[in-house]
C-alpha cells in the first residue's frame, strides 16, 4: 500500500499519480450552488458531474456550498471541511477499481438549529441554484394523497418561525425573502431525489409553506423561481469500514470516501431561471419531458430494489448482489417486472423497458458493489408508496392481475414483522417503524390490519382484488415460508 496521505489541497500533488484529481485551480472557484443534504449520492452524482465539467475549464463560478438541517449534516461538514471539501470517489467496476479525487465543493455552511448560516449562504447573490438530496420522504408530502402536508409539526413550526426555520424549505423561503428585499434575482430549486415529478413536488412544498408565511412572497416565488424535474441514477453504497479501507488501499486517508458503480445518468428539464452549468458537455441529458425517463427508472430500478431487498432481508442476504445470486429472489425480480411492471412503462430514446430490465439486472449483480440489503430496504413507507404503488394503481384501474405486486407488499409486511426466516431480529429500518411493526404483528393473524394504514395505502385497502391477493400471500409467507411462497409465484 502507498504511504497514507491525509486528503487536503496541500497533499493533492503527493498522491499516487494514477489517481485522477482536480486540474483546475480550486482557489479561483466561486460559489454558484448551495446543495442541501450533502451525502454520498450527491458527491457521486451532481458534484461529480460538476467536477468533470470544471476539469474542462467550465463552470468555475458554480462551485458548491454544502448545507444541512440535521445533526448528521454537522458531522459531514466537520469531515469535509477538515479536508478542504475534497472527496475520494472510488468506482467499483468488476473489471477494476479506480479512484478519483473531486473538488467542486468549496464551503459548507455551519449547521445550526435556526439555520441562519444556511439562509445566508442561499441569500448570497452569487448563488444561482439550490439543489437538494433530502431523501424521498423528506418533502413533507402526504403519501396517501400526494398533497403538501401542511399540518406536519415541522411545517407548522416554520410557518410560525419563518426566520428560524427547522426545514430546508423554510430556509430556502427565508433566503428568497432576503434576496428579493435586496433586489437580487431568484434561484432555481432543483431536487435530486428519486421522486416522480420531483420538481413539481419541491415546488408544492416551497410554495405551500410560503403561503402559510406570506401570500405575497409565495406569489413572487411562484412567478420567479423555477423547479425543474429531473431523473437521477447511480448506485452509491453507504460508507463503512470496507469503504474506508478501499480509500486507504489507494494511499488516501479520507474521512468520508464514497464508492459508486460504473454507471450514472442524469436527465433534467431545462428550466433554470438564473443560469446553469453546461452539464450536457459531460453527459447529462436535457429534455422538455423528464416523465418517461422517471417512470422507467422509478418503476423498474427503484421498485425493483424493493422487490429484492424485502425477501433478501427475510432470507438473510447481506447485499443486493447476494439477492441476485439467490435463484428465487432474482427470479422474482425478473418475473414481476416482466409480468406486471414493463407493460406500464414506455420506451425512451435509445432504451426499451425490456432492455432497461437487463441493464439494471447487470448492475444489481455487480459483486464489487457492497450495497447492503438494509440500505436498500430503508424507508419502505416512502419507497413502496412512491415506486410500487403507482403501478399497482394502474393495474387495478385496468382490471389486470396484481398477484406479484400483492406478494411484494406482503413481503414488505412480513419484513416489518421484525424477524428473518432464521429467527434473527431485523432492526428498525424505517422512520415509521413502530407503526409498521405494530401493523405487521397484527397482520399475522388478520392480514387486513396491514392495509389499514391510511398514510401508506389509502384507498388501495378497499381494492378487493389486491386485498384478497395480499391476504393469500401474507398467509403463505407465514405458513410456507418466503422461499416456497416465491417459488409458488414463479411457477408457470
Protein backbone atom coordinates (compact mmCIF):
# COMPACT_ATOMS: atom_id res chain seq x y z
CA UNK A 1 0.00 0.00 0.00
CA UNK A 2 1.20 3.52 -0.78
CA UNK A 3 2.08 5.87 2.07
CA UNK A 4 -1.16 7.02 3.70
CA UNK A 5 -1.80 10.69 2.91
CA UNK A 6 -4.41 12.83 4.66
CA UNK A 7 -6.64 14.34 1.97
CA UNK A 8 -6.28 18.13 1.56
CA UNK A 9 -5.41 20.74 -1.02
CA UNK A 10 -1.78 20.64 0.07
CA UNK A 11 -1.44 16.89 -0.36
CA UNK A 12 -3.02 16.51 -3.81
CA UNK A 13 0.36 16.60 -5.50
CA UNK A 14 1.74 13.87 -3.24
CA UNK A 15 -0.81 11.25 -4.23
CA UNK A 16 -0.22 8.25 -6.44
CA UNK A 17 -0.13 9.65 -9.98
CA UNK A 18 -2.66 7.04 -11.14
CA UNK A 19 -5.34 8.78 -9.05
CA UNK A 20 -7.22 11.45 -11.01
CA UNK A 21 -7.59 14.78 -9.22
CA UNK A 22 -8.61 18.39 -9.94
CA UNK A 23 -6.63 20.02 -12.71
CA UNK A 24 -8.38 23.35 -12.12
CA UNK A 25 -7.23 25.96 -9.61
CA UNK A 26 -9.61 25.44 -6.70
CA UNK A 27 -8.60 28.77 -5.15
CA UNK A 28 -10.22 30.55 -8.11
CA UNK A 29 -13.60 28.78 -7.83
CA UNK A 30 -16.57 30.88 -6.72
CA UNK A 31 -19.85 29.55 -5.34
CA UNK A 32 -22.91 29.21 -7.54
CA UNK A 33 -24.76 26.26 -5.99
CA UNK A 34 -25.93 25.54 -2.46
CA UNK A 35 -26.62 21.85 -2.01
CA UNK A 36 -28.68 20.69 0.97
CA UNK A 37 -28.17 17.10 2.11
CA UNK A 38 -24.55 16.59 1.16
CA UNK A 39 -24.37 12.81 1.47
CA UNK A 40 -22.81 10.09 -0.62
CA UNK A 41 -25.25 10.23 -3.52
CA UNK A 42 -24.77 13.93 -4.13
CA UNK A 43 -21.00 13.60 -4.09
CA UNK A 44 -21.07 10.68 -6.55
CA UNK A 45 -23.60 12.35 -8.82
CA UNK A 46 -24.20 16.12 -9.04
CA UNK A 47 -20.81 17.02 -7.56
CA UNK A 48 -19.10 14.51 -9.85
CA UNK A 49 -20.72 15.90 -13.00
CA UNK A 50 -19.77 19.43 -11.91
CA UNK A 51 -16.19 18.36 -11.14
CA UNK A 52 -15.84 16.78 -14.57
CA UNK A 53 -17.19 19.95 -16.17
CA UNK A 54 -14.72 22.04 -14.18
CA UNK A 55 -11.94 19.81 -15.48
CA UNK A 56 -12.76 21.15 -18.97
CA UNK A 57 -12.32 24.76 -17.80
CA UNK A 58 -16.05 25.47 -17.47
CA UNK A 59 -18.45 26.28 -14.59
CA UNK A 60 -15.84 27.66 -12.22
CA UNK A 61 -18.47 30.09 -10.94
CA UNK A 62 -20.80 27.24 -9.99
CA UNK A 63 -18.83 25.73 -7.10
CA UNK A 64 -20.85 24.04 -4.36
CA UNK A 65 -21.52 25.29 -0.85
CA UNK A 66 -22.81 22.48 1.33
CA UNK A 67 -25.81 22.88 3.59
CA UNK A 68 -27.77 20.77 6.02
CA UNK A 69 -30.55 20.90 8.58
CA UNK A 70 -29.96 17.68 10.57
CA UNK A 71 -27.33 16.75 13.19
CA UNK A 72 -25.62 14.22 10.84
CA UNK A 73 -25.05 17.09 8.42
CA UNK A 74 -22.86 18.77 11.03
CA UNK A 75 -20.69 15.66 11.26
CA UNK A 76 -20.37 15.58 7.48
CA UNK A 77 -19.42 19.26 7.48
CA UNK A 78 -16.66 18.61 10.02
CA UNK A 79 -15.30 15.72 7.95
CA UNK A 80 -15.32 17.54 4.63
CA UNK A 81 -14.06 20.89 5.85
CA UNK A 82 -11.13 19.12 7.52
CA UNK A 83 -10.07 18.02 4.02
CA UNK A 84 -10.87 21.27 2.17
CA UNK A 85 -14.12 19.93 0.72
CA UNK A 86 -12.38 17.20 -1.29
CA UNK A 87 -13.92 13.76 -1.79
CA UNK A 88 -12.38 10.49 -2.93
CA UNK A 89 -14.72 8.71 -5.35
CA UNK A 90 -13.96 5.01 -5.83
CA UNK A 91 -15.53 3.39 -8.88
CA UNK A 92 -16.40 -0.26 -8.33
CA UNK A 93 -16.19 -1.73 -11.80
CA UNK A 94 -15.93 -5.54 -11.84
CA UNK A 95 -13.16 -5.07 -14.41
CA UNK A 96 -11.10 -2.98 -11.99
CA UNK A 97 -11.37 -0.46 -9.16
CA UNK A 98 -10.22 3.13 -9.70
CA UNK A 99 -10.16 6.31 -7.63
CA UNK A 100 -10.63 9.99 -8.38
CA UNK A 101 -10.46 12.97 -6.05
CA UNK A 102 -13.12 15.58 -6.81
CA UNK A 103 -13.08 19.21 -5.77
CA UNK A 104 -16.28 21.00 -6.81
CA UNK A 105 -17.23 21.87 -3.22
CA UNK A 106 -15.62 24.97 -1.71
CA UNK A 107 -17.52 25.56 1.54
CA UNK A 108 -20.12 24.12 3.90
CA UNK A 109 -22.40 26.40 5.89
CA UNK A 110 -22.38 25.79 9.66
CA UNK A 111 -25.31 23.61 10.73
CA UNK A 112 -27.30 25.35 13.47
CA UNK A 113 -30.83 24.92 14.88
CA UNK A 114 -32.02 28.25 13.43
CA UNK A 115 -30.36 27.60 10.04
CA UNK A 116 -29.14 31.20 9.92
CA UNK A 117 -25.90 30.29 8.16
CA UNK A 118 -27.75 28.23 5.55
CA UNK A 119 -30.15 31.11 4.90
CA UNK A 120 -27.22 33.50 4.47
CA UNK A 121 -25.50 31.09 2.07
CA UNK A 122 -28.57 30.86 -0.18
CA UNK A 123 -29.12 34.63 0.03
CA UNK A 124 -25.62 35.25 -1.39
CA UNK A 125 -26.29 36.92 -4.77
CA UNK A 126 -23.69 34.68 -6.42
CA UNK A 127 -25.87 31.62 -5.81
CA UNK A 128 -27.90 30.56 -8.84
CA UNK A 129 -29.11 27.05 -7.87
CA UNK A 130 -30.24 25.43 -4.64
CA UNK A 131 -30.22 21.66 -5.04
CA UNK A 132 -31.39 19.01 -2.60
CA UNK A 133 -30.96 15.35 -1.71
CA UNK A 134 -33.12 15.06 1.41
CA UNK A 135 -34.48 11.51 0.72
CA UNK A 136 -37.79 10.57 -0.85
CA UNK A 137 -39.59 11.04 2.47
CA UNK A 138 -38.15 14.49 3.16
CA UNK A 139 -40.53 16.65 1.12
CA UNK A 140 -43.50 16.88 3.51
CA UNK A 141 -45.91 15.15 1.18
CA UNK A 142 -48.84 13.09 2.44
CA UNK A 143 -48.08 9.70 0.83
CA UNK A 144 -51.74 8.70 0.67
CA UNK A 145 -52.79 11.82 -1.29
CA UNK A 146 -49.59 13.24 -2.77
CA UNK A 147 -50.55 16.66 -1.39
CA UNK A 148 -48.40 19.06 0.63
CA UNK A 149 -48.50 18.01 4.29
CA UNK A 150 -49.37 21.42 5.76
CA UNK A 151 -50.32 20.08 9.24
CA UNK A 152 -46.88 18.49 9.79
CA UNK A 153 -45.27 19.74 13.01
CA UNK A 154 -42.11 20.90 11.19
CA UNK A 155 -44.16 22.90 8.69
CA UNK A 156 -46.23 24.49 11.44
CA UNK A 157 -43.01 25.41 13.25
CA UNK A 158 -41.57 27.10 10.17
CA UNK A 159 -44.80 28.94 9.47
CA UNK A 160 -44.69 30.36 12.99
CA UNK A 161 -40.91 30.96 12.98
CA UNK A 162 -40.01 31.97 9.42
CA UNK A 163 -36.65 33.49 10.38
CA UNK A 164 -35.59 30.44 12.41
CA UNK A 165 -36.87 27.51 10.35
CA UNK A 166 -36.05 23.88 11.01
CA UNK A 167 -36.62 22.60 7.45
CA UNK A 168 -34.61 23.07 4.27
CA UNK A 169 -37.69 24.55 2.64
CA UNK A 170 -38.15 27.12 5.38
CA UNK A 171 -34.51 28.13 4.91
CA UNK A 172 -35.00 28.48 1.14
CA UNK A 173 -38.05 30.70 1.68
CA UNK A 174 -36.26 32.90 4.22
CA UNK A 175 -33.33 33.29 1.82
CA UNK A 176 -35.61 34.14 -1.10
CA UNK A 177 -37.30 36.79 1.02
CA UNK A 178 -33.86 38.31 1.73
CA UNK A 179 -32.79 38.11 -1.92
CA UNK A 180 -35.94 39.80 -3.17
CA UNK A 181 -35.71 42.50 -0.49
CA UNK A 182 -32.14 43.30 -1.57
CA UNK A 183 -33.06 43.37 -5.25
CA UNK A 184 -31.23 40.15 -6.09
CA UNK A 185 -32.61 37.63 -8.54
CA UNK A 186 -34.29 34.31 -7.82
CA UNK A 187 -32.62 30.90 -7.74
CA UNK A 188 -33.53 27.61 -9.34
CA UNK A 189 -34.56 24.99 -6.78
CA UNK A 190 -33.53 21.57 -8.04
CA UNK A 191 -34.48 18.27 -6.41
CA UNK A 192 -32.03 15.41 -6.95
CA UNK A 193 -34.13 12.81 -5.12
CA UNK A 194 -35.91 9.77 -6.53
CA UNK A 195 -39.43 11.15 -6.83
CA UNK A 196 -41.78 11.15 -9.78
CA UNK A 197 -42.12 14.82 -10.70
CA UNK A 198 -39.55 15.85 -8.09
CA UNK A 199 -39.53 19.43 -9.37
CA UNK A 200 -43.29 19.72 -9.07
CA UNK A 201 -43.13 18.20 -5.59
CA UNK A 202 -40.48 20.60 -4.31
CA UNK A 203 -42.43 23.49 -5.87
CA UNK A 204 -45.57 22.42 -4.00
CA UNK A 205 -43.66 22.20 -0.73
CA UNK A 206 -41.85 25.54 -1.07
CA UNK A 207 -44.88 27.45 -2.32
CA UNK A 208 -47.22 25.70 0.12
CA UNK A 209 -45.07 26.65 3.10
CA UNK A 210 -44.55 30.18 1.74
CA UNK A 211 -48.32 30.67 1.59
CA UNK A 212 -48.53 29.90 5.29
CA UNK A 213 -45.93 32.60 5.93
CA UNK A 214 -46.64 35.38 3.42
CA UNK A 215 -49.03 35.20 0.46
CA UNK A 216 -47.18 37.98 -1.35
CA UNK A 217 -43.84 36.19 -1.02
CA UNK A 218 -45.46 32.96 -2.20
CA UNK A 219 -46.73 34.75 -5.30
CA UNK A 220 -43.23 36.05 -6.06
CA UNK A 221 -41.77 32.57 -5.68
CA UNK A 222 -44.41 31.10 -8.00
CA UNK A 223 -43.70 33.78 -10.57
CA UNK A 224 -39.90 33.98 -10.43
CA UNK A 225 -38.41 30.70 -9.14
CA UNK A 226 -38.13 27.59 -11.30
CA UNK A 227 -38.22 23.97 -10.14
CA UNK A 228 -37.00 21.66 -12.93
CA UNK A 229 -37.97 18.00 -12.84
CA UNK A 230 -35.09 15.55 -13.05
CA UNK A 231 -34.27 11.86 -13.04
CA UNK A 232 -31.10 10.81 -11.20
CA UNK A 233 -29.43 7.41 -11.23
CA UNK A 234 -26.29 5.92 -9.73
CA UNK A 235 -25.95 3.14 -7.16
CA UNK A 236 -23.97 4.53 -4.25
CA UNK A 237 -23.50 2.32 -1.18
CA UNK A 238 -23.23 3.67 2.36
CA UNK A 239 -19.73 4.24 3.67
CA UNK A 240 -18.40 1.85 6.30
CA UNK A 241 -15.20 0.11 7.27
CA UNK A 242 -14.77 -1.53 3.86
CA UNK A 243 -15.04 1.80 2.06
CA UNK A 244 -12.50 3.47 4.35
CA UNK A 245 -10.18 0.53 3.73
CA UNK A 246 -10.59 0.91 -0.04
CA UNK A 247 -9.54 4.56 0.14
CA UNK A 248 -6.54 3.56 2.22
CA UNK A 249 -5.58 0.99 -0.43
CA UNK A 250 -5.08 3.99 -2.70
CA UNK A 251 -2.94 5.63 -0.02
CA UNK A 252 -5.61 8.18 0.93
CA UNK A 253 -6.86 8.95 4.41
CA UNK A 254 -10.31 10.29 3.50
CA UNK A 255 -12.75 10.99 6.35
CA UNK A 256 -15.76 10.43 4.06
CA UNK A 257 -14.90 8.43 0.93
CA UNK A 258 -17.62 7.40 -1.50
CA UNK A 259 -17.89 4.23 -3.56
CA UNK A 260 -20.11 4.02 -6.63
CA UNK A 261 -20.92 1.82 -9.58
CA UNK A 262 -19.54 2.39 -13.08
CA UNK A 263 -22.84 3.85 -14.31
CA UNK A 264 -24.65 7.13 -13.79
CA UNK A 265 -27.42 9.03 -15.54
CA UNK A 266 -28.99 12.45 -15.11
CA UNK A 267 -31.93 13.68 -17.17
CA UNK A 268 -33.08 17.24 -16.43
CA UNK A 269 -35.86 19.54 -17.58
CA UNK A 270 -34.09 22.62 -18.94
CA UNK A 271 -35.83 25.21 -16.76
CA UNK A 272 -33.22 27.26 -14.88
CA UNK A 273 -34.18 30.84 -14.08
CA UNK A 274 -30.70 32.04 -13.07
CA UNK A 275 -28.41 30.13 -15.40
CA UNK A 276 -26.86 26.69 -15.10
CA UNK A 277 -23.66 24.75 -15.76
CA UNK A 278 -23.30 23.29 -19.26
CA UNK A 279 -23.80 19.79 -17.91
CA UNK A 280 -24.63 18.44 -21.36
CA UNK A 281 -20.90 18.66 -22.12
CA UNK A 282 -20.28 15.86 -19.59
CA UNK A 283 -23.12 13.55 -20.48
CA UNK A 284 -26.25 14.99 -18.83
CA UNK A 285 -29.43 14.81 -20.91
CA UNK A 286 -31.65 17.90 -21.09
CA UNK A 287 -35.21 17.40 -22.24
CA UNK A 288 -38.58 19.05 -22.27
CA UNK A 289 -40.23 15.94 -20.79
CA UNK A 290 -38.49 14.04 -18.00
CA UNK A 291 -41.56 11.96 -17.12
CA UNK A 292 -40.89 8.91 -19.37
CA UNK A 293 -37.31 8.66 -18.08
CA UNK A 294 -38.54 8.99 -14.48
CA UNK A 295 -41.21 6.36 -14.95
CA UNK A 296 -38.78 3.85 -16.41
CA UNK A 297 -36.22 4.32 -13.66
CA UNK A 298 -38.54 4.58 -10.65
CA UNK A 299 -40.85 1.73 -11.60
CA UNK A 300 -38.17 -0.68 -12.77
CA UNK A 301 -34.97 0.10 -10.88
CA UNK A 302 -36.27 1.68 -7.67
CA UNK A 303 -39.27 -0.59 -7.36
CA UNK A 304 -37.02 -3.48 -8.38
CA UNK A 305 -34.78 -2.71 -5.44
CA UNK A 306 -37.77 -3.16 -3.12
CA UNK A 307 -38.80 -6.38 -4.88
CA UNK A 308 -35.46 -7.99 -3.99
CA UNK A 309 -34.47 -6.22 -0.76
CA UNK A 310 -37.53 -7.31 1.23
CA UNK A 311 -37.27 -11.05 0.50
CA UNK A 312 -33.48 -10.72 0.62
CA UNK A 313 -33.73 -9.41 4.18
CA UNK A 314 -36.01 -12.29 5.16
CA UNK A 315 -33.58 -14.82 3.65
CA UNK A 316 -30.50 -13.20 5.27
CA UNK A 317 -28.92 -11.93 2.06
CA UNK A 318 -26.34 -9.30 3.01
CA UNK A 319 -26.08 -7.37 -0.27
CA UNK A 320 -28.07 -6.72 -3.43
CA UNK A 321 -25.56 -8.84 -5.35
CA UNK A 322 -26.31 -11.67 -2.90
CA UNK A 323 -30.01 -11.26 -3.66
CA UNK A 324 -29.30 -11.59 -7.36
CA UNK A 325 -27.33 -14.78 -6.71
CA UNK A 326 -30.40 -16.26 -4.99
CA UNK A 327 -32.46 -18.14 -7.56
CA UNK A 328 -35.88 -17.35 -6.08
CA UNK A 329 -35.17 -13.70 -5.25
CA UNK A 330 -33.68 -12.84 -8.65
CA UNK A 331 -36.40 -14.89 -10.31
CA UNK A 332 -39.00 -12.80 -8.51
CA UNK A 333 -37.38 -9.60 -9.78
CA UNK A 334 -37.34 -10.70 -13.40
CA UNK A 335 -40.80 -12.23 -13.32
CA UNK A 336 -42.70 -9.44 -11.57
CA UNK A 337 -41.08 -6.80 -13.75
CA UNK A 338 -41.87 -8.68 -16.96
CA UNK A 339 -45.41 -9.68 -15.98
CA UNK A 340 -46.68 -6.65 -14.10
CA UNK A 341 -44.46 -3.59 -14.49
CA UNK A 342 -42.95 -3.49 -18.00
CA UNK A 343 -46.41 -3.29 -19.64
CA UNK A 344 -46.91 0.07 -17.89
CA UNK A 345 -43.56 1.61 -18.87
CA UNK A 346 -42.98 3.36 -22.20
CA UNK A 347 -39.73 3.30 -24.12
CA UNK A 348 -37.43 6.35 -24.05
CA UNK A 349 -34.97 7.38 -26.78
CA UNK A 350 -32.41 4.61 -27.07
CA UNK A 351 -33.93 2.29 -24.46
CA UNK A 352 -36.86 -0.12 -24.29
CA UNK A 353 -38.27 -1.22 -20.92
CA UNK A 354 -37.12 -4.81 -21.51
CA UNK A 355 -33.59 -3.68 -22.33
CA UNK A 356 -33.62 -1.50 -19.22
CA UNK A 357 -34.53 -4.52 -17.06
CA UNK A 358 -31.50 -6.32 -18.47
CA UNK A 359 -29.36 -3.26 -17.74
CA UNK A 360 -30.43 -2.95 -14.12
CA UNK A 361 -30.12 -6.69 -13.52
CA UNK A 362 -26.50 -6.49 -14.58
CA UNK A 363 -25.94 -3.54 -12.30
CA UNK A 364 -27.55 -5.31 -9.35
CA UNK A 365 -25.31 -8.34 -9.98
CA UNK A 366 -22.12 -6.27 -9.61
CA UNK A 367 -20.35 -8.07 -6.75
CA UNK A 368 -17.87 -5.21 -6.38
CA UNK A 369 -20.73 -3.05 -5.09
CA UNK A 370 -21.33 -3.88 -1.44
CA UNK A 371 -24.77 -2.30 -1.46
CA UNK A 372 -26.46 -3.64 1.63
CA UNK A 373 -29.96 -5.01 1.68
CA UNK A 374 -30.57 -2.92 4.78
CA UNK A 375 -29.74 0.34 2.95
CA UNK A 376 -31.96 -0.51 0.01
CA UNK A 377 -34.85 -1.67 2.22
CA UNK A 378 -34.71 1.51 4.33
CA UNK A 379 -37.79 3.76 4.40
CA UNK A 380 -40.17 1.37 2.70
CA UNK A 381 -43.02 3.64 3.77
CA UNK A 382 -41.78 6.18 1.22
CA UNK A 383 -40.34 3.79 -1.33
CA UNK A 384 -43.29 1.43 -1.67
CA UNK A 385 -45.73 4.33 -1.90
CA UNK A 386 -43.54 6.16 -4.40
CA UNK A 387 -42.16 3.34 -6.54
CA UNK A 388 -44.51 0.34 -6.29
CA UNK A 389 -47.99 1.71 -5.67
CA UNK A 390 -48.28 3.76 -8.89
CA UNK A 391 -48.04 0.56 -10.97
CA UNK A 392 -50.39 -1.22 -8.58
CA UNK A 393 -52.98 1.53 -9.03
CA UNK A 394 -52.66 1.42 -12.82
CA UNK A 395 -53.12 -2.34 -12.97
CA UNK A 396 -56.11 -2.22 -10.65
CA UNK A 397 -57.59 0.51 -12.83
CA UNK A 398 -57.42 -1.72 -15.87
CA UNK A 399 -58.50 -4.90 -14.10
CA UNK A 400 -55.10 -6.52 -14.65
CA UNK A 401 -53.64 -9.24 -12.44
CA UNK A 402 -51.79 -7.91 -9.34
CA UNK A 403 -50.54 -11.17 -7.82
CA UNK A 404 -46.86 -10.22 -7.92
CA UNK A 405 -47.41 -6.72 -6.59
CA UNK A 406 -49.58 -8.11 -3.80
CA UNK A 407 -46.77 -10.55 -2.96
CA UNK A 408 -44.27 -7.67 -2.94
CA UNK A 409 -46.42 -5.82 -0.40
CA UNK A 410 -46.81 -9.00 1.66
CA UNK A 411 -43.02 -9.45 1.68
CA UNK A 412 -42.62 -5.92 2.99
CA UNK A 413 -45.23 -6.57 5.70
CA UNK A 414 -43.51 -9.82 6.63
CA UNK A 415 -40.15 -8.00 6.84
CA UNK A 416 -41.68 -5.34 9.11
CA UNK A 417 -42.73 -8.12 11.48
CA UNK A 418 -39.12 -7.82 12.54
CA UNK A 419 -37.67 -11.34 12.23
CA UNK A 420 -35.94 -13.23 9.43
CA UNK A 421 -36.64 -16.80 8.38
CA UNK A 422 -33.77 -17.96 10.60
CA UNK A 423 -35.32 -16.27 13.62
CA UNK A 424 -32.82 -13.41 13.86
CA UNK A 425 -34.08 -9.89 14.54
CA UNK A 426 -34.48 -7.23 11.86
CA UNK A 427 -33.54 -3.92 13.46
CA UNK A 428 -35.88 -0.95 12.93
CA UNK A 429 -35.34 0.34 9.39
CA UNK A 430 -37.96 2.98 8.65
CA UNK A 431 -38.81 6.42 10.08
CA UNK A 432 -42.24 4.94 10.86
CA UNK A 433 -41.00 1.56 12.07
CA UNK A 434 -43.04 1.44 15.27
CA UNK A 435 -46.32 1.86 13.42
CA UNK A 436 -45.29 -0.53 10.66
CA UNK A 437 -44.14 -3.16 13.14
CA UNK A 438 -47.37 -2.89 15.12
CA UNK A 439 -49.43 -3.30 11.94
CA UNK A 440 -47.27 -6.21 10.77
CA UNK A 441 -47.70 -8.05 14.07
CA UNK A 442 -51.48 -7.61 13.91
CA UNK A 443 -51.49 -8.69 10.26
CA UNK A 444 -50.03 -12.09 11.05
CA UNK A 445 -53.46 -13.14 12.32
CA UNK A 446 -55.53 -10.61 10.37
CA UNK A 447 -53.81 -9.59 7.10
CA UNK A 448 -56.17 -6.66 6.52
CA UNK A 449 -54.57 -4.92 9.53
CA UNK A 450 -51.51 -4.15 7.37
CA UNK A 451 -53.58 -2.48 4.69
CA UNK A 452 -55.44 -0.39 7.29
CA UNK A 453 -52.61 2.15 7.35
CA UNK A 454 -54.18 5.18 5.65
CA UNK A 455 -50.90 7.03 5.26
CA UNK A 456 -49.50 4.09 3.29
CA UNK A 457 -52.35 2.50 1.36
CA UNK A 458 -55.20 5.00 1.32
CA UNK A 459 -57.94 3.73 -0.99
CA UNK A 460 -55.84 0.72 -2.05
CA UNK A 461 -57.04 -1.03 1.10
CA UNK A 462 -60.53 -1.12 -0.39
CA UNK A 463 -59.44 -2.64 -3.72
CA UNK A 464 -60.82 -6.16 -3.32
CA UNK A 465 -58.59 -7.97 -5.88
CA UNK A 466 -55.49 -6.52 -4.25
CA UNK A 467 -56.67 -7.07 -0.66
CA UNK A 468 -57.60 -10.70 -1.38
CA UNK A 469 -54.28 -11.44 -3.11
CA UNK A 470 -52.33 -9.70 -0.35
CA UNK A 471 -54.11 -11.77 2.32
CA UNK A 472 -53.33 -15.03 0.48
CA UNK A 473 -49.67 -14.19 0.02
CA UNK A 474 -49.08 -12.98 3.57
CA UNK A 475 -50.68 -16.17 4.89
CA UNK A 476 -48.45 -18.19 2.53
CA UNK A 477 -45.34 -16.39 3.77
CA UNK A 478 -46.10 -17.44 7.34
CA UNK A 479 -47.26 -20.97 6.55
CA UNK A 480 -44.95 -21.96 3.67
CA UNK A 481 -42.03 -19.61 4.23
CA UNK A 482 -40.50 -16.98 1.99
CA UNK A 483 -38.71 -19.28 -0.43
CA UNK A 484 -41.67 -21.56 -1.07
CA UNK A 485 -44.02 -18.58 -1.47
CA UNK A 486 -41.68 -17.10 -4.07
CA UNK A 487 -41.45 -20.46 -5.84
CA UNK A 488 -45.23 -20.63 -5.95
CA UNK A 489 -45.41 -17.26 -7.69
CA UNK A 490 -42.67 -18.23 -10.13
CA UNK A 491 -44.37 -21.46 -11.14
CA UNK A 492 -45.73 -21.35 -14.73
